[in-house]
């Protein structure tokens, strides 16, 4: 939709959705279905948020593999450090700094 050759009009956009949806979901479009009218996220700036969701998955996998999986998922020290270094500061500083303190190194995507 936001690529170099976006659909020129509503019917071309609908044709693109009709073509892509079954190949992605493996479910045929019901007759008369218009997914574009029921999934507004595709048509506004919310789509950028999906990128943030993926990064949340990457960062949580890193924290789990690096600390919780290695030191114990119920380890009270790890839990308290997670609370102290990641949750408590919230959005007060750069999240990378919080994660670096918790992980003992800069975050990466290896565990993902």
PDB file of N, CA and C in Angstrom:
ATOM      1  N   UNK A   1       0.829  -1.185   0.000  1.00  0.00           N
ATOM      2  CA  UNK A   1       0.000   0.000   0.000  1.00  0.00           C
ATOM      3  C   UNK A   1       0.873   1.248   0.000  1.00  0.00           C
ATOM      4  N   UNK A   2       1.965   1.215   0.745  1.00  0.00           N
ATOM      5  CA  UNK A   2       2.847   2.378   0.815  1.00  0.00           C
ATOM      6  C   UNK A   2       4.131   2.168   0.011  1.00  0.00           C
ATOM      7  N   UNK A   3       4.114   1.208  -0.911  1.00  0.00           N
ATOM      8  CA  UNK A   3       5.293   0.898  -1.712  1.00  0.00           C
ATOM      9  C   UNK A   3       5.451   1.845  -2.879  1.00  0.00           C
ATOM     10  N   UNK A   4       6.349   1.525  -3.786  1.00  0.00           N
ATOM     11  CA  UNK A   4       6.637   2.420  -4.915  1.00  0.00           C
ATOM     12  C   UNK A   4       5.492   2.524  -5.925  1.00  0.00           C
ATOM     13  N   UNK A   5       4.633   1.514  -6.009  1.00  0.00           N
ATOM     14  CA  UNK A   5       3.501   1.538  -6.948  1.00  0.00           C
ATOM     15  C   UNK A   5       2.201   1.248  -6.218  1.00  0.00           C
ATOM     16  N   UNK A   6       1.721   2.189  -5.425  1.00  0.00           N
ATOM     17  CA  UNK A   6       0.477   1.936  -4.688  1.00  0.00           C
ATOM     18  C   UNK A   6      -0.704   1.833  -5.647  1.00  0.00           C
ATOM     19  N   UNK A   7      -1.761   1.154  -5.234  1.00  0.00           N
ATOM     20  CA  UNK A   7      -2.955   1.086  -6.079  1.00  0.00           C
ATOM     21  C   UNK A   7      -3.450   2.487  -6.420  1.00  0.00           C
ATOM     22  N   UNK A   8      -3.933   2.650  -7.637  1.00  0.00           N
ATOM     23  CA  UNK A   8      -4.340   3.969  -8.141  1.00  0.00           C
ATOM     24  C   UNK A   8      -5.719   4.398  -7.653  1.00  0.00           C
ATOM     25  N   UNK A   9      -6.581   3.438  -7.329  1.00  0.00           N
ATOM     26  CA  UNK A   9      -7.932   3.785  -6.888  1.00  0.00           C
ATOM     27  C   UNK A   9      -8.457   2.696  -5.956  1.00  0.00           C
ATOM     28  N   UNK A  10      -9.676   2.905  -5.470  1.00  0.00           N
ATOM     29  CA  UNK A  10     -10.257   1.988  -4.494  1.00  0.00           C
ATOM     30  C   UNK A  10     -10.429   0.578  -5.059  1.00  0.00           C
ATOM     31  N   UNK A  11     -10.812   0.470  -6.320  1.00  0.00           N
ATOM     32  CA  UNK A  11     -11.009  -0.871  -6.880  1.00  0.00           C
ATOM     33  C   UNK A  11      -9.680  -1.608  -7.039  1.00  0.00           C
ATOM     34  N   UNK A  12      -8.611  -0.889  -7.370  1.00  0.00           N
ATOM     35  CA  UNK A  12      -7.296  -1.520  -7.461  1.00  0.00           C
ATOM     36  C   UNK A  12      -6.801  -1.945  -6.084  1.00  0.00           C
ATOM     37  N   UNK A  13      -7.105  -1.145  -5.074  1.00  0.00           N
ATOM     38  CA  UNK A  13      -6.742  -1.496  -3.711  1.00  0.00           C
ATOM     39  C   UNK A  13      -7.500  -2.742  -3.267  1.00  0.00           C
ATOM     40  N   UNK A  14      -8.795  -2.783  -3.568  1.00  0.00           N
ATOM     41  CA  UNK A  14      -9.595  -3.957  -3.215  1.00  0.00           C
ATOM     42  C   UNK A  14      -9.082  -5.196  -3.945  1.00  0.00           C
ATOM     43  N   UNK A  15      -8.694  -5.048  -5.204  1.00  0.00           N
ATOM     44  CA  UNK A  15      -8.160  -6.183  -5.957  1.00  0.00           C
ATOM     45  C   UNK A  15      -6.869  -6.697  -5.321  1.00  0.00           C
ATOM     46  N   UNK A  16      -6.041  -5.783  -4.848  1.00  0.00           N
ATOM     47  CA  UNK A  16      -4.803  -6.184  -4.176  1.00  0.00           C
ATOM     48  C   UNK A  16      -5.113  -6.975  -2.912  1.00  0.00           C
ATOM     49  N   UNK A  17      -6.040  -6.482  -2.113  1.00  0.00           N
ATOM     50  CA  UNK A  17      -6.432  -7.183  -0.883  1.00  0.00           C
ATOM     51  C   UNK A  17      -7.028  -8.542  -1.220  1.00  0.00           C
ATOM     52  N   UNK A  18      -7.885  -8.593  -2.232  1.00  0.00           N
ATOM     53  CA  UNK A  18      -8.508  -9.859  -2.628  1.00  0.00           C
ATOM     54  C   UNK A  18      -7.469 -10.875  -3.091  1.00  0.00           C
ATOM     55  N   UNK A  19      -6.381 -10.390  -3.643  1.00  0.00           N
ATOM     56  CA  UNK A  19      -5.316 -11.267  -4.101  1.00  0.00           C
ATOM     57  C   UNK A  19      -4.411 -11.702  -2.946  1.00  0.00           C
ATOM     58  N   UNK A  20      -4.047 -10.771  -2.086  1.00  0.00           N
ATOM     59  CA  UNK A  20      -3.089 -11.065  -1.023  1.00  0.00           C
ATOM     60  C   UNK A  20      -3.679 -11.826   0.167  1.00  0.00           C
ATOM     61  N   UNK A  21      -4.875 -11.457   0.571  1.00  0.00           N
ATOM     62  CA  UNK A  21      -5.438 -12.032   1.804  1.00  0.00           C
ATOM     63  C   UNK A  21      -5.481 -13.558   1.781  1.00  0.00           C
ATOM     64  N   UNK A  22      -6.015 -14.188   0.733  1.00  0.00           N
ATOM     65  CA  UNK A  22      -6.034 -15.659   0.745  1.00  0.00           C
ATOM     66  C   UNK A  22      -4.634 -16.284   0.722  1.00  0.00           C
ATOM     67  N   UNK A  23      -3.686 -15.634   0.070  1.00  0.00           N
ATOM     68  CA  UNK A  23      -2.341 -16.212   0.020  1.00  0.00           C
ATOM     69  C   UNK A  23      -1.618 -16.068   1.360  1.00  0.00           C
ATOM     70  N   UNK A  24      -1.991 -15.073   2.145  1.00  0.00           N
ATOM     71  CA  UNK A  24      -1.354 -14.864   3.452  1.00  0.00           C
ATOM     72  C   UNK A  24      -2.062 -15.651   4.547  1.00  0.00           C
ATOM     73  N   UNK A  25      -3.402 -15.587   4.557  1.00  0.00           N
ATOM     74  CA  UNK A  25      -4.164 -16.217   5.640  1.00  0.00           C
ATOM     75  C   UNK A  25      -4.568 -17.648   5.339  1.00  0.00           C
ATOM     76  N   UNK A  26      -4.474 -18.039   4.064  1.00  0.00           N
ATOM     77  CA  UNK A  26      -4.925 -19.356   3.607  1.00  0.00           C
ATOM     78  C   UNK A  26      -6.428 -19.536   3.777  1.00  0.00           C
ATOM     79  N   UNK A  27      -7.146 -18.427   3.829  1.00  0.00           N
ATOM     80  CA  UNK A  27      -8.606 -18.435   3.938  1.00  0.00           C
ATOM     81  C   UNK A  27      -9.159 -17.628   2.775  1.00  0.00           C
ATOM     82  N   UNK A  28     -10.080 -18.217   2.043  1.00  0.00           N
ATOM     83  CA  UNK A  28     -10.682 -17.503   0.921  1.00  0.00           C
ATOM     84  C   UNK A  28     -11.529 -16.338   1.431  1.00  0.00           C
ATOM     85  N   UNK A  29     -11.588 -15.279   0.652  1.00  0.00           N
ATOM     86  CA  UNK A  29     -12.427 -14.138   0.996  1.00  0.00           C
ATOM     87  C   UNK A  29     -13.894 -14.522   0.866  1.00  0.00           C
ATOM     88  N   UNK A  30     -14.713 -14.239   1.870  1.00  0.00           N
ATOM     89  CA  UNK A  30     -16.149 -14.486   1.738  1.00  0.00           C
ATOM     90  C   UNK A  30     -16.730 -13.583   0.648  1.00  0.00           C
ATOM     91  N   UNK A  31     -17.741 -14.047  -0.063  1.00  0.00           N
ATOM     92  CA  UNK A  31     -18.350 -13.203  -1.104  1.00  0.00           C
ATOM     93  C   UNK A  31     -18.838 -11.873  -0.524  1.00  0.00           C
ATOM     94  N   UNK A  32     -18.542 -10.793  -1.208  1.00  0.00           N
ATOM     95  CA  UNK A  32     -18.980  -9.474  -0.769  1.00  0.00           C
ATOM     96  C   UNK A  32     -18.185  -8.893   0.390  1.00  0.00           C
ATOM     97  N   UNK A  33     -17.154  -9.587   0.815  1.00  0.00           N
ATOM     98  CA  UNK A  33     -16.348  -9.105   1.938  1.00  0.00           C
ATOM     99  C   UNK A  33     -15.510  -7.898   1.518  1.00  0.00           C
ATOM    100  N   UNK A  34     -15.419  -6.938   2.411  1.00  0.00           N
ATOM    101  CA  UNK A  34     -14.557  -5.790   2.167  1.00  0.00           C
ATOM    102  C   UNK A  34     -13.728  -5.568   3.419  1.00  0.00           C
ATOM    103  N   UNK A  35     -12.603  -6.255   3.489  1.00  0.00           N
ATOM    104  CA  UNK A  35     -11.740  -6.183   4.664  1.00  0.00           C
ATOM    105  C   UNK A  35     -11.275  -4.761   4.942  1.00  0.00           C
ATOM    106  N   UNK A  36     -11.103  -3.970   3.901  1.00  0.00           N
ATOM    107  CA  UNK A  36     -10.608  -2.603   4.094  1.00  0.00           C
ATOM    108  C   UNK A  36     -11.541  -1.765   4.951  1.00  0.00           C
ATOM    109  N   UNK A  37     -12.813  -2.062   4.920  1.00  0.00           N
ATOM    110  CA  UNK A  37     -13.766  -1.293   5.737  1.00  0.00           C
ATOM    111  C   UNK A  37     -13.799  -1.751   7.186  1.00  0.00           C
ATOM    112  N   UNK A  38     -13.231  -2.901   7.453  1.00  0.00           N
ATOM    113  CA  UNK A  38     -13.280  -3.424   8.811  1.00  0.00           C
ATOM    114  C   UNK A  38     -11.918  -3.464   9.490  1.00  0.00           C
ATOM    115  N   UNK A  39     -10.865  -3.111   8.766  1.00  0.00           N
ATOM    116  CA  UNK A  39      -9.524  -3.134   9.342  1.00  0.00           C
ATOM    117  C   UNK A  39      -8.850  -1.803   9.061  1.00  0.00           C
ATOM    118  N   UNK A  40      -9.278  -0.784   9.790  1.00  0.00           N
ATOM    119  CA  UNK A  40      -8.818   0.570   9.561  1.00  0.00           C
ATOM    120  C   UNK A  40      -7.340   0.804   9.800  1.00  0.00           C
ATOM    121  N   UNK A  41      -6.680  -0.095  10.551  1.00  0.00           N
ATOM    122  CA  UNK A  41      -5.261   0.099  10.817  1.00  0.00           C
ATOM    123  C   UNK A  41      -4.437   0.183   9.535  1.00  0.00           C
ATOM    124  N   UNK A  42      -4.895  -0.491   8.496  1.00  0.00           N
ATOM    125  CA  UNK A  42      -4.139  -0.475   7.243  1.00  0.00           C
ATOM    126  C   UNK A  42      -4.163   0.890   6.569  1.00  0.00           C
ATOM    127  N   UNK A  43      -5.144   1.683   6.868  1.00  0.00           N
ATOM    128  CA  UNK A  43      -5.351   2.917   6.124  1.00  0.00           C
ATOM    129  C   UNK A  43      -4.959   4.174   6.902  1.00  0.00           C
ATOM    130  N   UNK A  44      -4.398   4.012   8.064  1.00  0.00           N
ATOM    131  CA  UNK A  44      -3.964   5.200   8.812  1.00  0.00           C
ATOM    132  C   UNK A  44      -2.514   5.006   9.255  1.00  0.00           C
ATOM    133  N   UNK A  45      -2.031   5.856  10.077  1.00  0.00           N
ATOM    134  CA  UNK A  45      -0.635   5.802  10.502  1.00  0.00           C
ATOM    135  C   UNK A  45      -0.367   4.755  11.577  1.00  0.00           C
ATOM    136  N   UNK A  46      -1.402   4.028  11.998  1.00  0.00           N
ATOM    137  CA  UNK A  46      -1.222   3.011  13.032  1.00  0.00           C
ATOM    138  C   UNK A  46      -0.296   1.893  12.566  1.00  0.00           C
ATOM    139  N   UNK A  47      -0.182   1.715  11.268  1.00  0.00           N
ATOM    140  CA  UNK A  47       0.648   0.622  10.748  1.00  0.00           C
ATOM    141  C   UNK A  47       2.071   0.702  11.274  1.00  0.00           C
ATOM    142  N   UNK A  48       2.569   1.879  11.540  1.00  0.00           N
ATOM    143  CA  UNK A  48       3.920   2.020  12.092  1.00  0.00           C
ATOM    144  C   UNK A  48       4.021   1.388  13.475  1.00  0.00           C
ATOM    145  N   UNK A  49       2.922   1.304  14.192  1.00  0.00           N
ATOM    146  CA  UNK A  49       2.943   0.699  15.525  1.00  0.00           C
ATOM    147  C   UNK A  49       3.253  -0.787  15.476  1.00  0.00           C
ATOM    148  N   UNK A  50       2.907  -1.444  14.381  1.00  0.00           N
ATOM    149  CA  UNK A  50       3.217  -2.864  14.269  1.00  0.00           C
ATOM    150  C   UNK A  50       4.721  -3.105  14.328  1.00  0.00           C
ATOM    151  N   UNK A  51       5.491  -2.174  13.835  1.00  0.00           N
ATOM    152  CA  UNK A  51       6.945  -2.258  13.926  1.00  0.00           C
ATOM    153  C   UNK A  51       7.356  -2.256  15.397  1.00  0.00           C
ATOM    154  N   UNK A  52       6.715  -1.405  16.187  1.00  0.00           N
ATOM    155  CA  UNK A  52       7.003  -1.352  17.619  1.00  0.00           C
ATOM    156  C   UNK A  52       6.656  -2.651  18.325  1.00  0.00           C
ATOM    157  N   UNK A  53       5.555  -3.276  17.919  1.00  0.00           N
ATOM    158  CA  UNK A  53       5.187  -4.558  18.514  1.00  0.00           C
ATOM    159  C   UNK A  53       6.266  -5.605  18.254  1.00  0.00           C
ATOM    160  N   UNK A  54       6.806  -5.615  17.042  1.00  0.00           N
ATOM    161  CA  UNK A  54       7.840  -6.591  16.716  1.00  0.00           C
ATOM    162  C   UNK A  54       9.096  -6.336  17.547  1.00  0.00           C
ATOM    163  N   UNK A  55       9.463  -5.062  17.718  1.00  0.00           N
ATOM    164  CA  UNK A  55      10.628  -4.773  18.554  1.00  0.00           C
ATOM    165  C   UNK A  55      10.391  -5.169  20.004  1.00  0.00           C
ATOM    166  N   UNK A  56       9.172  -5.040  20.480  1.00  0.00           N
ATOM    167  CA  UNK A  56       8.870  -5.495  21.841  1.00  0.00           C
ATOM    168  C   UNK A  56       9.100  -6.992  21.956  1.00  0.00           C
ATOM    169  N   UNK A  57       8.732  -7.752  20.916  1.00  0.00           N
ATOM    170  CA  UNK A  57       8.979  -9.196  20.907  1.00  0.00           C
ATOM    171  C   UNK A  57      10.486  -9.491  20.920  1.00  0.00           C
ATOM    172  N   UNK A  58      11.238  -8.755  20.129  1.00  0.00           N
ATOM    173  CA  UNK A  58      12.695  -8.951  20.057  1.00  0.00           C
ATOM    174  C   UNK A  58      13.326  -8.678  21.414  1.00  0.00           C
ATOM    175  N   UNK A  59      12.957  -7.563  22.019  1.00  0.00           N
ATOM    176  CA  UNK A  59      13.562  -7.185  23.299  1.00  0.00           C
ATOM    177  C   UNK A  59      13.145  -8.125  24.428  1.00  0.00           C
ATOM    178  N   UNK A  60      11.889  -8.547  24.432  1.00  0.00           N
ATOM    179  CA  UNK A  60      11.458  -9.474  25.487  1.00  0.00           C
ATOM    180  C   UNK A  60      12.137 -10.832  25.337  1.00  0.00           C
ATOM    181  N   UNK A  61      12.348 -11.284  24.096  1.00  0.00           N
ATOM    182  CA  UNK A  61      13.070 -12.542  23.884  1.00  0.00           C
ATOM    183  C   UNK A  61      14.502 -12.426  24.387  1.00  0.00           C
ATOM    184  N   UNK A  62      15.124 -11.284  24.157  1.00  0.00           N
ATOM    185  CA  UNK A  62      16.490 -11.063  24.628  1.00  0.00           C
ATOM    186  C   UNK A  62      16.545 -11.097  26.148  1.00  0.00           C
ATOM    187  N   UNK A  63      15.623 -10.402  26.799  1.00  0.00           N
ATOM    188  CA  UNK A  63      15.621 -10.390  28.265  1.00  0.00           C
ATOM    189  C   UNK A  63      15.360 -11.784  28.825  1.00  0.00           C
ATOM    190  N   UNK A  64      14.406 -12.497  28.223  1.00  0.00           N
ATOM    191  CA  UNK A  64      14.095 -13.833  28.733  1.00  0.00           C
ATOM    192  C   UNK A  64      15.286 -14.770  28.587  1.00  0.00           C
ATOM    193  N   UNK A  65      15.859 -14.823  27.379  1.00  0.00           N
ATOM    194  CA  UNK A  65      16.972 -15.748  27.139  1.00  0.00           C
ATOM    195  C   UNK A  65      18.210 -15.394  27.951  1.00  0.00           C
ATOM    196  N   UNK A  66      18.462 -14.106  28.091  1.00  0.00           N
ATOM    197  CA  UNK A  66      19.686 -13.670  28.759  1.00  0.00           C
ATOM    198  C   UNK A  66      19.619 -13.789  30.270  1.00  0.00           C
ATOM    199  N   UNK A  67      18.484 -13.465  30.845  1.00  0.00           N
ATOM    200  CA  UNK A  67      18.410 -13.454  32.309  1.00  0.00           C
ATOM    201  C   UNK A  67      17.499 -14.547  32.863  1.00  0.00           C
ATOM    202  N   UNK A  68      16.234 -14.531  32.474  1.00  0.00           N
ATOM    203  CA  UNK A  68      15.266 -15.433  33.104  1.00  0.00           C
ATOM    204  C   UNK A  68      15.533 -16.908  32.792  1.00  0.00           C
ATOM    205  N   UNK A  69      15.823 -17.213  31.542  1.00  0.00           N
ATOM    206  CA  UNK A  69      16.076 -18.609  31.172  1.00  0.00           C
ATOM    207  C   UNK A  69      17.355 -19.129  31.821  1.00  0.00           C
ATOM    208  N   UNK A  70      18.379 -18.304  31.882  1.00  0.00           N
ATOM    209  CA  UNK A  70      19.667 -18.728  32.427  1.00  0.00           C
ATOM    210  C   UNK A  70      19.688 -18.747  33.953  1.00  0.00           C
ATOM    211  N   UNK A  71      19.026 -17.762  34.573  1.00  0.00           N
ATOM    212  CA  UNK A  71      19.130 -17.626  36.033  1.00  0.00           C
ATOM    213  C   UNK A  71      17.892 -18.114  36.775  1.00  0.00           C
ATOM    214  N   UNK A  72      16.863 -18.474  36.033  1.00  0.00           N
ATOM    215  CA  UNK A  72      15.649 -18.998  36.646  1.00  0.00           C
ATOM    216  C   UNK A  72      14.485 -18.046  36.517  1.00  0.00           C
ATOM    217  N   UNK A  73      13.411 -18.545  35.966  1.00  0.00           N
ATOM    218  CA  UNK A  73      12.246 -17.701  35.715  1.00  0.00           C
ATOM    219  C   UNK A  73      11.623 -17.194  37.016  1.00  0.00           C
ATOM    220  N   UNK A  74      11.815 -17.929  38.097  1.00  0.00           N
ATOM    221  CA  UNK A  74      11.266 -17.508  39.394  1.00  0.00           C
ATOM    222  C   UNK A  74      12.341 -16.942  40.321  1.00  0.00           C
ATOM    223  N   UNK A  75      13.498 -16.618  39.778  1.00  0.00           N
ATOM    224  CA  UNK A  75      14.595 -16.081  40.576  1.00  0.00           C
ATOM    225  C   UNK A  75      14.219 -14.682  41.069  1.00  0.00           C
ATOM    226  N   UNK A  76      14.134 -14.499  42.388  1.00  0.00           N
ATOM    227  CA  UNK A  76      13.702 -13.200  42.909  1.00  0.00           C
ATOM    228  C   UNK A  76      14.677 -12.061  42.599  1.00  0.00           C
ATOM    229  N   UNK A  77      15.950 -12.358  42.498  1.00  0.00           N
ATOM    230  CA  UNK A  77      16.933 -11.317  42.180  1.00  0.00           C
ATOM    231  C   UNK A  77      16.713 -10.808  40.757  1.00  0.00           C
ATOM    232  N   UNK A  78      16.528 -11.735  39.823  1.00  0.00           N
ATOM    233  CA  UNK A  78      16.286 -11.348  38.430  1.00  0.00           C
ATOM    234  C   UNK A  78      14.989 -10.559  38.326  1.00  0.00           C
ATOM    235  N   UNK A  79      13.952 -11.034  39.009  1.00  0.00           N
ATOM    236  CA  UNK A  79      12.675 -10.335  38.990  1.00  0.00           C
ATOM    237  C   UNK A  79      12.781  -8.922  39.537  1.00  0.00           C
ATOM    238  N   UNK A  80      13.507  -8.758  40.635  1.00  0.00           N
ATOM    239  CA  UNK A  80      13.656  -7.441  41.234  1.00  0.00           C
ATOM    240  C   UNK A  80      14.497  -6.525  40.349  1.00  0.00           C
ATOM    241  N   UNK A  81      15.526  -7.077  39.716  1.00  0.00           N
ATOM    242  CA  UNK A  81      16.327  -6.256  38.809  1.00  0.00           C
ATOM    243  C   UNK A  81      15.519  -5.844  37.576  1.00  0.00           C
ATOM    244  N   UNK A  82      14.690  -6.742  37.081  1.00  0.00           N
ATOM    245  CA  UNK A  82      13.801  -6.390  35.968  1.00  0.00           C
ATOM    246  C   UNK A  82      12.879  -5.242  36.389  1.00  0.00           C
ATOM    247  N   UNK A  83      12.314  -5.381  37.564  1.00  0.00           N
ATOM    248  CA  UNK A  83      11.428  -4.328  38.084  1.00  0.00           C
ATOM    249  C   UNK A  83      12.174  -3.012  38.250  1.00  0.00           C
ATOM    250  N   UNK A  84      13.366  -3.081  38.847  1.00  0.00           N
ATOM    251  CA  UNK A  84      14.149  -1.883  39.164  1.00  0.00           C
ATOM    252  C   UNK A  84      14.709  -1.199  37.910  1.00  0.00           C
ATOM    253  N   UNK A  85      15.279  -1.990  36.996  1.00  0.00           N
ATOM    254  CA  UNK A  85      15.977  -1.410  35.850  1.00  0.00           C
ATOM    255  C   UNK A  85      15.101  -1.171  34.620  1.00  0.00           C
ATOM    256  N   UNK A  86      14.015  -1.942  34.465  1.00  0.00           N
ATOM    257  CA  UNK A  86      13.197  -1.836  33.256  1.00  0.00           C
ATOM    258  C   UNK A  86      11.825  -1.230  33.539  1.00  0.00           C
ATOM    259  N   UNK A  87      11.094  -1.803  34.479  1.00  0.00           N
ATOM    260  CA  UNK A  87       9.721  -1.341  34.719  1.00  0.00           C
ATOM    261  C   UNK A  87       9.656  -0.010  35.463  1.00  0.00           C
ATOM    262  N   UNK A  88      10.392   0.116  36.551  1.00  0.00           N
ATOM    263  CA  UNK A  88      10.289   1.313  37.391  1.00  0.00           C
ATOM    264  C   UNK A  88      10.628   2.607  36.649  1.00  0.00           C
ATOM    265  N   UNK A  89      11.703   2.649  35.860  1.00  0.00           N
ATOM    266  CA  UNK A  89      12.012   3.905  35.177  1.00  0.00           C
ATOM    267  C   UNK A  89      11.010   4.262  34.079  1.00  0.00           C
ATOM    268  N   UNK A  90      10.316   3.244  33.556  1.00  0.00           N
ATOM    269  CA  UNK A  90       9.325   3.515  32.513  1.00  0.00           C
ATOM    270  C   UNK A  90       9.929   4.262  31.342  1.00  0.00           C
ATOM    271  N   UNK A  91       9.262   5.297  30.894  1.00  0.00           N
ATOM    272  CA  UNK A  91       9.727   6.065  29.749  1.00  0.00           C
ATOM    273  C   UNK A  91      10.541   7.283  30.120  1.00  0.00           C
ATOM    274  N   UNK A  92      11.172   7.249  31.293  1.00  0.00           N
ATOM    275  CA  UNK A  92      11.911   8.433  31.741  1.00  0.00           C
ATOM    276  C   UNK A  92      13.234   8.641  31.018  1.00  0.00           C
ATOM    277  N   UNK A  93      13.788   7.596  30.446  1.00  0.00           N
ATOM    278  CA  UNK A  93      15.059   7.683  29.725  1.00  0.00           C
ATOM    279  C   UNK A  93      14.979   6.774  28.496  1.00  0.00           C
ATOM    280  N   UNK A  94      16.065   6.632  27.813  1.00  0.00           N
ATOM    281  CA  UNK A  94      16.132   5.757  26.653  1.00  0.00           C
ATOM    282  C   UNK A  94      16.023   4.298  27.090  1.00  0.00           C
ATOM    283  N   UNK A  95      15.093   3.545  26.514  1.00  0.00           N
ATOM    284  CA  UNK A  95      14.888   2.150  26.916  1.00  0.00           C
ATOM    285  C   UNK A  95      16.149   1.318  26.713  1.00  0.00           C
ATOM    286  N   UNK A  96      16.948   1.680  25.735  1.00  0.00           N
ATOM    287  CA  UNK A  96      18.207   0.948  25.503  1.00  0.00           C
ATOM    288  C   UNK A  96      19.106   1.010  26.741  1.00  0.00           C
ATOM    289  N   UNK A  97      19.126   2.161  27.399  1.00  0.00           N
ATOM    290  CA  UNK A  97      19.931   2.294  28.618  1.00  0.00           C
ATOM    291  C   UNK A  97      19.395   1.395  29.730  1.00  0.00           C
ATOM    292  N   UNK A  98      18.070   1.350  29.877  1.00  0.00           N
ATOM    293  CA  UNK A  98      17.464   0.490  30.904  1.00  0.00           C
ATOM    294  C   UNK A  98      17.780  -0.975  30.633  1.00  0.00           C
ATOM    295  N   UNK A  99      17.626  -1.381  29.370  1.00  0.00           N
ATOM    296  CA  UNK A  99      17.875  -2.776  29.017  1.00  0.00           C
ATOM    297  C   UNK A  99      19.343  -3.141  29.169  1.00  0.00           C
ATOM    298  N   UNK A 100      20.226  -2.222  28.852  1.00  0.00           N
ATOM    299  CA  UNK A 100      21.657  -2.483  29.007  1.00  0.00           C
ATOM    300  C   UNK A 100      21.997  -2.729  30.470  1.00  0.00           C
ATOM    301  N   UNK A 101      21.404  -1.964  31.366  1.00  0.00           N
ATOM    302  CA  UNK A 101      21.623  -2.196  32.803  1.00  0.00           C
ATOM    303  C   UNK A 101      21.121  -3.574  33.211  1.00  0.00           C
ATOM    304  N   UNK A 102      19.928  -3.929  32.749  1.00  0.00           N
ATOM    305  CA  UNK A 102      19.339  -5.216  33.129  1.00  0.00           C
ATOM    306  C   UNK A 102      20.093  -6.393  32.516  1.00  0.00           C
ATOM    307  N   UNK A 103      20.463  -6.279  31.258  1.00  0.00           N
ATOM    308  CA  UNK A 103      21.112  -7.387  30.560  1.00  0.00           C
ATOM    309  C   UNK A 103      22.610  -7.487  30.842  1.00  0.00           C
ATOM    310  N   UNK A 104      23.219  -6.370  31.242  1.00  0.00           N
ATOM    311  CA  UNK A 104      24.661  -6.352  31.433  1.00  0.00           C
ATOM    312  C   UNK A 104      25.419  -6.147  30.127  1.00  0.00           C
ATOM    313  N   UNK A 105      24.685  -5.795  29.070  1.00  0.00           N
ATOM    314  CA  UNK A 105      25.240  -5.545  27.744  1.00  0.00           C
ATOM    315  C   UNK A 105      24.139  -4.887  26.920  1.00  0.00           C
ATOM    316  N   UNK A 106      24.481  -4.275  25.792  1.00  0.00           N
ATOM    317  CA  UNK A 106      23.424  -3.701  24.948  1.00  0.00           C
ATOM    318  C   UNK A 106      22.488  -4.788  24.420  1.00  0.00           C
ATOM    319  N   UNK A 107      21.208  -4.491  24.279  1.00  0.00           N
ATOM    320  CA  UNK A 107      20.273  -5.483  23.752  1.00  0.00           C
ATOM    321  C   UNK A 107      20.589  -5.835  22.300  1.00  0.00           C
ATOM    322  N   UNK A 108      20.202  -7.061  21.912  1.00  0.00           N
ATOM    323  CA  UNK A 108      20.381  -7.476  20.522  1.00  0.00           C
ATOM    324  C   UNK A 108      19.229  -8.397  20.117  1.00  0.00           C
ATOM    325  N   UNK A 109      19.225  -8.826  18.880  1.00  0.00           N
ATOM    326  CA  UNK A 109      18.117  -9.638  18.375  1.00  0.00           C
ATOM    327  C   UNK A 109      18.475 -11.120  18.258  1.00  0.00           C
ATOM    328  N   UNK A 110      19.566 -11.562  18.855  1.00  0.00           N
ATOM    329  CA  UNK A 110      20.014 -12.947  18.701  1.00  0.00           C
ATOM    330  C   UNK A 110      19.019 -13.966  19.254  1.00  0.00           C
ATOM    331  N   UNK A 111      18.397 -13.686  20.360  1.00  0.00           N
ATOM    332  CA  UNK A 111      17.459 -14.640  20.954  1.00  0.00           C
ATOM    333  C   UNK A 111      16.166 -14.754  20.159  1.00  0.00           C
ATOM    334  N   UNK A 112      15.842 -13.729  19.419  1.00  0.00           N
ATOM    335  CA  UNK A 112      14.622 -13.741  18.619  1.00  0.00           C
ATOM    336  C   UNK A 112      14.789 -14.671  17.439  1.00  0.00           C
TER     337      UNK A 112
END
